[in-house]
C-alpha atoms as a PDB file:
ATOM      1  CA  UNK A   1      -7.704 -16.042  12.611  1.00  0.00           C
ATOM      2  CA  UNK A   2      -9.811 -12.867  12.873  1.00  0.00           C
ATOM      3  CA  UNK A   3      -9.951 -12.151   9.137  1.00  0.00           C
ATOM      4  CA  UNK A   4      -7.996 -11.257   6.054  1.00  0.00           C
ATOM      5  CA  UNK A   5      -6.475  -7.898   5.167  1.00  0.00           C
ATOM      6  CA  UNK A   6      -7.332  -7.055   1.545  1.00  0.00           C
ATOM      7  CA  UNK A   7      -4.480  -5.254  -0.207  1.00  0.00           C
ATOM      8  CA  UNK A   8      -3.930  -3.410  -3.479  1.00  0.00           C
ATOM      9  CA  UNK A   9      -0.282  -3.107  -4.548  1.00  0.00           C
ATOM     10  CA  UNK A  10       0.672  -0.060  -6.619  1.00  0.00           C
ATOM     11  CA  UNK A  11       4.224  -0.241  -7.984  1.00  0.00           C
ATOM     12  CA  UNK A  12       5.550   0.614 -11.436  1.00  0.00           C
ATOM     13  CA  UNK A  13       8.495  -1.805 -11.171  1.00  0.00           C
ATOM     14  CA  UNK A  14       6.824  -4.991 -12.334  1.00  0.00           C
ATOM     15  CA  UNK A  15       9.477  -7.361 -10.944  1.00  0.00           C
ATOM     16  CA  UNK A  16       9.383  -5.750  -7.493  1.00  0.00           C
ATOM     17  CA  UNK A  17       5.565  -5.678  -7.535  1.00  0.00           C
ATOM     18  CA  UNK A  18       5.271  -9.337  -8.528  1.00  0.00           C
ATOM     19  CA  UNK A  19       7.849 -10.377  -5.917  1.00  0.00           C
ATOM     20  CA  UNK A  20       6.041  -8.462  -3.179  1.00  0.00           C
ATOM     21  CA  UNK A  21       2.727  -9.905  -4.355  1.00  0.00           C
ATOM     22  CA  UNK A  22       4.167 -13.420  -4.123  1.00  0.00           C
ATOM     23  CA  UNK A  23       5.709 -12.911  -0.674  1.00  0.00           C
ATOM     24  CA  UNK A  24       2.637 -11.255   0.842  1.00  0.00           C
ATOM     25  CA  UNK A  25       0.371 -13.801  -0.822  1.00  0.00           C
ATOM     26  CA  UNK A  26       2.125 -16.604   1.030  1.00  0.00           C
ATOM     27  CA  UNK A  27       0.604 -15.328   4.259  1.00  0.00           C
ATOM     28  CA  UNK A  28      -2.851 -16.672   4.982  1.00  0.00           C
ATOM     29  CA  UNK A  29      -4.015 -13.402   6.524  1.00  0.00           C
ATOM     30  CA  UNK A  30      -3.164 -11.098   3.605  1.00  0.00           C
ATOM     31  CA  UNK A  31      -5.070 -11.170   0.317  1.00  0.00           C
ATOM     32  CA  UNK A  32      -3.846  -9.299  -2.755  1.00  0.00           C
ATOM     33  CA  UNK A  33      -7.033  -8.081  -4.437  1.00  0.00           C
ATOM     34  CA  UNK A  34      -5.249  -5.891  -7.001  1.00  0.00           C
ATOM     35  CA  UNK A  35      -1.740  -5.376  -8.316  1.00  0.00           C
ATOM     36  CA  UNK A  36      -1.183  -2.423 -10.663  1.00  0.00           C
ATOM     37  CA  UNK A  37       1.584  -0.286 -12.085  1.00  0.00           C
ATOM     38  CA  UNK A  38       0.139   3.244 -12.089  1.00  0.00           C
ATOM     39  CA  UNK A  39      -1.722   5.604  -9.827  1.00  0.00           C
ATOM     40  CA  UNK A  40      -4.701   5.836 -12.159  1.00  0.00           C
ATOM     41  CA  UNK A  41      -5.004   2.033 -12.207  1.00  0.00           C
ATOM     42  CA  UNK A  42      -4.878   2.127  -8.411  1.00  0.00           C
ATOM     43  CA  UNK A  43      -7.789   4.545  -8.284  1.00  0.00           C
ATOM     44  CA  UNK A  44      -9.869   2.324 -10.580  1.00  0.00           C
ATOM     45  CA  UNK A  45      -9.074  -0.866  -8.677  1.00  0.00           C
ATOM     46  CA  UNK A  46      -9.628   0.713  -5.251  1.00  0.00           C
ATOM     47  CA  UNK A  47     -12.988   2.147  -6.353  1.00  0.00           C
ATOM     48  CA  UNK A  48     -14.044  -1.330  -7.443  1.00  0.00           C
ATOM     49  CA  UNK A  49     -12.500  -3.571  -4.768  1.00  0.00           C
ATOM     50  CA  UNK A  50     -12.415  -1.328  -1.660  1.00  0.00           C
ATOM     51  CA  UNK A  51      -9.245  -2.781  -0.131  1.00  0.00           C
ATOM     52  CA  UNK A  52      -8.349  -2.390   3.532  1.00  0.00           C
ATOM     53  CA  UNK A  53      -4.849  -1.208   2.588  1.00  0.00           C
ATOM     54  CA  UNK A  54      -3.257   0.198  -0.544  1.00  0.00           C
ATOM     55  CA  UNK A  55       0.531  -0.143  -0.648  1.00  0.00           C
ATOM     56  CA  UNK A  56       1.642   2.707  -2.915  1.00  0.00           C
ATOM     57  CA  UNK A  57       5.021   3.538  -4.440  1.00  0.00           C
ATOM     58  CA  UNK A  58       5.951   7.230  -4.326  1.00  0.00           C
ATOM     59  CA  UNK A  59       7.689   7.622  -7.659  1.00  0.00           C
ATOM     60  CA  UNK A  60       5.595   6.431 -10.599  1.00  0.00           C
ATOM     61  CA  UNK A  61       4.834   7.721 -14.071  1.00  0.00           C
ATOM     62  CA  UNK A  62       1.738   9.891 -14.121  1.00  0.00           C
ATOM     63  CA  UNK A  63       0.367  10.371 -10.614  1.00  0.00           C
ATOM     64  CA  UNK A  64       2.876  10.594  -7.770  1.00  0.00           C
ATOM     65  CA  UNK A  65       2.389   8.616  -4.592  1.00  0.00           C
ATOM     66  CA  UNK A  66       0.816  11.642  -2.891  1.00  0.00           C
ATOM     67  CA  UNK A  67      -1.539  12.283  -5.813  1.00  0.00           C
ATOM     68  CA  UNK A  68      -2.441   8.596  -5.911  1.00  0.00           C
ATOM     69  CA  UNK A  69      -3.098   8.617  -2.168  1.00  0.00           C
ATOM     70  CA  UNK A  70      -5.486  11.585  -2.448  1.00  0.00           C
ATOM     71  CA  UNK A  71      -7.300  10.038  -5.401  1.00  0.00           C
ATOM     72  CA  UNK A  72      -7.603   6.586  -3.791  1.00  0.00           C
ATOM     73  CA  UNK A  73      -9.023   8.094  -0.616  1.00  0.00           C
ATOM     74  CA  UNK A  74     -11.617  10.045  -2.631  1.00  0.00           C
ATOM     75  CA  UNK A  75     -12.995   6.848  -4.161  1.00  0.00           C
ATOM     76  CA  UNK A  76     -12.411   4.521  -1.209  1.00  0.00           C
ATOM     77  CA  UNK A  77     -12.306   6.575   2.016  1.00  0.00           C
ATOM     78  CA  UNK A  78     -11.936   3.560   4.325  1.00  0.00           C
ATOM     79  CA  UNK A  79      -8.774   2.354   2.565  1.00  0.00           C
ATOM     80  CA  UNK A  80      -5.563   2.989   4.489  1.00  0.00           C
ATOM     81  CA  UNK A  81      -2.521   3.960   2.409  1.00  0.00           C
ATOM     82  CA  UNK A  82       0.995   2.724   3.176  1.00  0.00           C
ATOM     83  CA  UNK A  83       3.708   4.340   1.073  1.00  0.00           C
ATOM     84  CA  UNK A  84       6.509   1.960   0.075  1.00  0.00           C
ATOM     85  CA  UNK A  85       9.415   3.663  -1.653  1.00  0.00           C
ATOM     86  CA  UNK A  86      13.143   3.518  -2.316  1.00  0.00           C
ATOM     87  CA  UNK A  87      13.734   7.114  -1.201  1.00  0.00           C
ATOM     88  CA  UNK A  88      11.771  10.219  -0.395  1.00  0.00           C
ATOM     89  CA  UNK A  89      12.732  13.585   0.991  1.00  0.00           C
ATOM     90  CA  UNK A  90      11.355  14.964   4.230  1.00  0.00           C
ATOM     91  CA  UNK A  91       9.118  17.277   2.205  1.00  0.00           C
ATOM     92  CA  UNK A  92       7.811  14.349   0.144  1.00  0.00           C
ATOM     93  CA  UNK A  93       7.063  12.335   3.297  1.00  0.00           C
ATOM     94  CA  UNK A  94       5.138  15.321   4.674  1.00  0.00           C
ATOM     95  CA  UNK A  95       3.275  15.576   1.346  1.00  0.00           C
ATOM     96  CA  UNK A  96       2.281  11.895   1.679  1.00  0.00           C
ATOM     97  CA  UNK A  97       0.981  12.377   5.230  1.00  0.00           C
ATOM     98  CA  UNK A  98      -0.914  15.494   4.189  1.00  0.00           C
ATOM     99  CA  UNK A  99      -2.466  13.499   1.339  1.00  0.00           C
ATOM    100  CA  UNK A 100      -3.667  10.899   3.876  1.00  0.00           C
ATOM    101  CA  UNK A 101      -1.025   8.163   3.993  1.00  0.00           C
ATOM    102  CA  UNK A 102      -0.784   6.512   7.408  1.00  0.00           C
ATOM    103  CA  UNK A 103       2.874   5.498   7.167  1.00  0.00           C
ATOM    104  CA  UNK A 104       5.855   5.334   4.859  1.00  0.00           C
ATOM    105  CA  UNK A 105       8.355   2.463   4.763  1.00  0.00           C
ATOM    106  CA  UNK A 106      11.409   1.847   2.639  1.00  0.00           C
ATOM    107  CA  UNK A 107      11.635  -0.819  -0.017  1.00  0.00           C
ATOM    108  CA  UNK A 108      14.869  -1.926   1.606  1.00  0.00           C
ATOM    109  CA  UNK A 109      13.126  -2.748   4.893  1.00  0.00           C
ATOM    110  CA  UNK A 110      12.774  -6.358   6.003  1.00  0.00           C
ATOM    111  CA  UNK A 111       9.570  -8.014   4.799  1.00  0.00           C
ATOM    112  CA  UNK A 112       8.413  -8.315   8.426  1.00  0.00           C
ATOM    113  CA  UNK A 113       8.563  -4.504   8.758  1.00  0.00           C
ATOM    114  CA  UNK A 114       6.485  -4.034   5.625  1.00  0.00           C
ATOM    115  CA  UNK A 115       3.954  -6.565   6.884  1.00  0.00           C
ATOM    116  CA  UNK A 116       3.835  -4.832  10.269  1.00  0.00           C
ATOM    117  CA  UNK A 117       3.133  -1.513   8.498  1.00  0.00           C
ATOM    118  CA  UNK A 118       0.241  -3.178   6.646  1.00  0.00           C
ATOM    119  CA  UNK A 119      -1.174  -4.655   9.878  1.00  0.00           C
ATOM    120  CA  UNK A 120      -0.788  -1.331  11.637  1.00  0.00           C
ATOM    121  CA  UNK A 121      -2.514   0.498   8.807  1.00  0.00           C
ATOM    122  CA  UNK A 122      -5.367  -1.982   9.032  1.00  0.00           C
ATOM    123  CA  UNK A 123      -5.538  -1.222  12.771  1.00  0.00           C
ATOM    124  CA  UNK A 124      -4.376  -4.720  13.640  1.00  0.00           C
ATOM    125  CA  UNK A 125      -1.422  -5.942  15.627  1.00  0.00           C
ATOM    126  CA  UNK A 126       0.724  -8.859  14.527  1.00  0.00           C
ATOM    127  CA  UNK A 127      -0.202 -10.645  17.751  1.00  0.00           C
ATOM    128  CA  UNK A 128      -3.811 -10.855  16.544  1.00  0.00           C
ATOM    129  CA  UNK A 129      -2.712 -12.411  13.242  1.00  0.00           C
ATOM    130  CA  UNK A 130       0.094 -14.752  14.283  1.00  0.00           C
END
């Protein structure tokens, strides 16, 4: 195995966040190095832990997903941001990409699709990790 992708999860729904943390943590090639509920917490954790990928919800109290993306990239420029959300408008998706997110996937996607988005964001293909 070439290495481990370090991930910070940013999701205000604690049950969804903990479930995703559990499911991703079952994979030997993904390591959850932070799991937080707000954008500001994400900035603090990313500044400290420098993850490969931050998986960020769009709608959260305080900072939005786009604001969180911008702030995370200021403190940890090498981190890639994947937005994971229930629903966003076309304008909100554009706002995320303008802020620096590399992709946006729906919370209703299959887990394999979310994992693929994480691998892709980390510039890795699933073939290298399988």
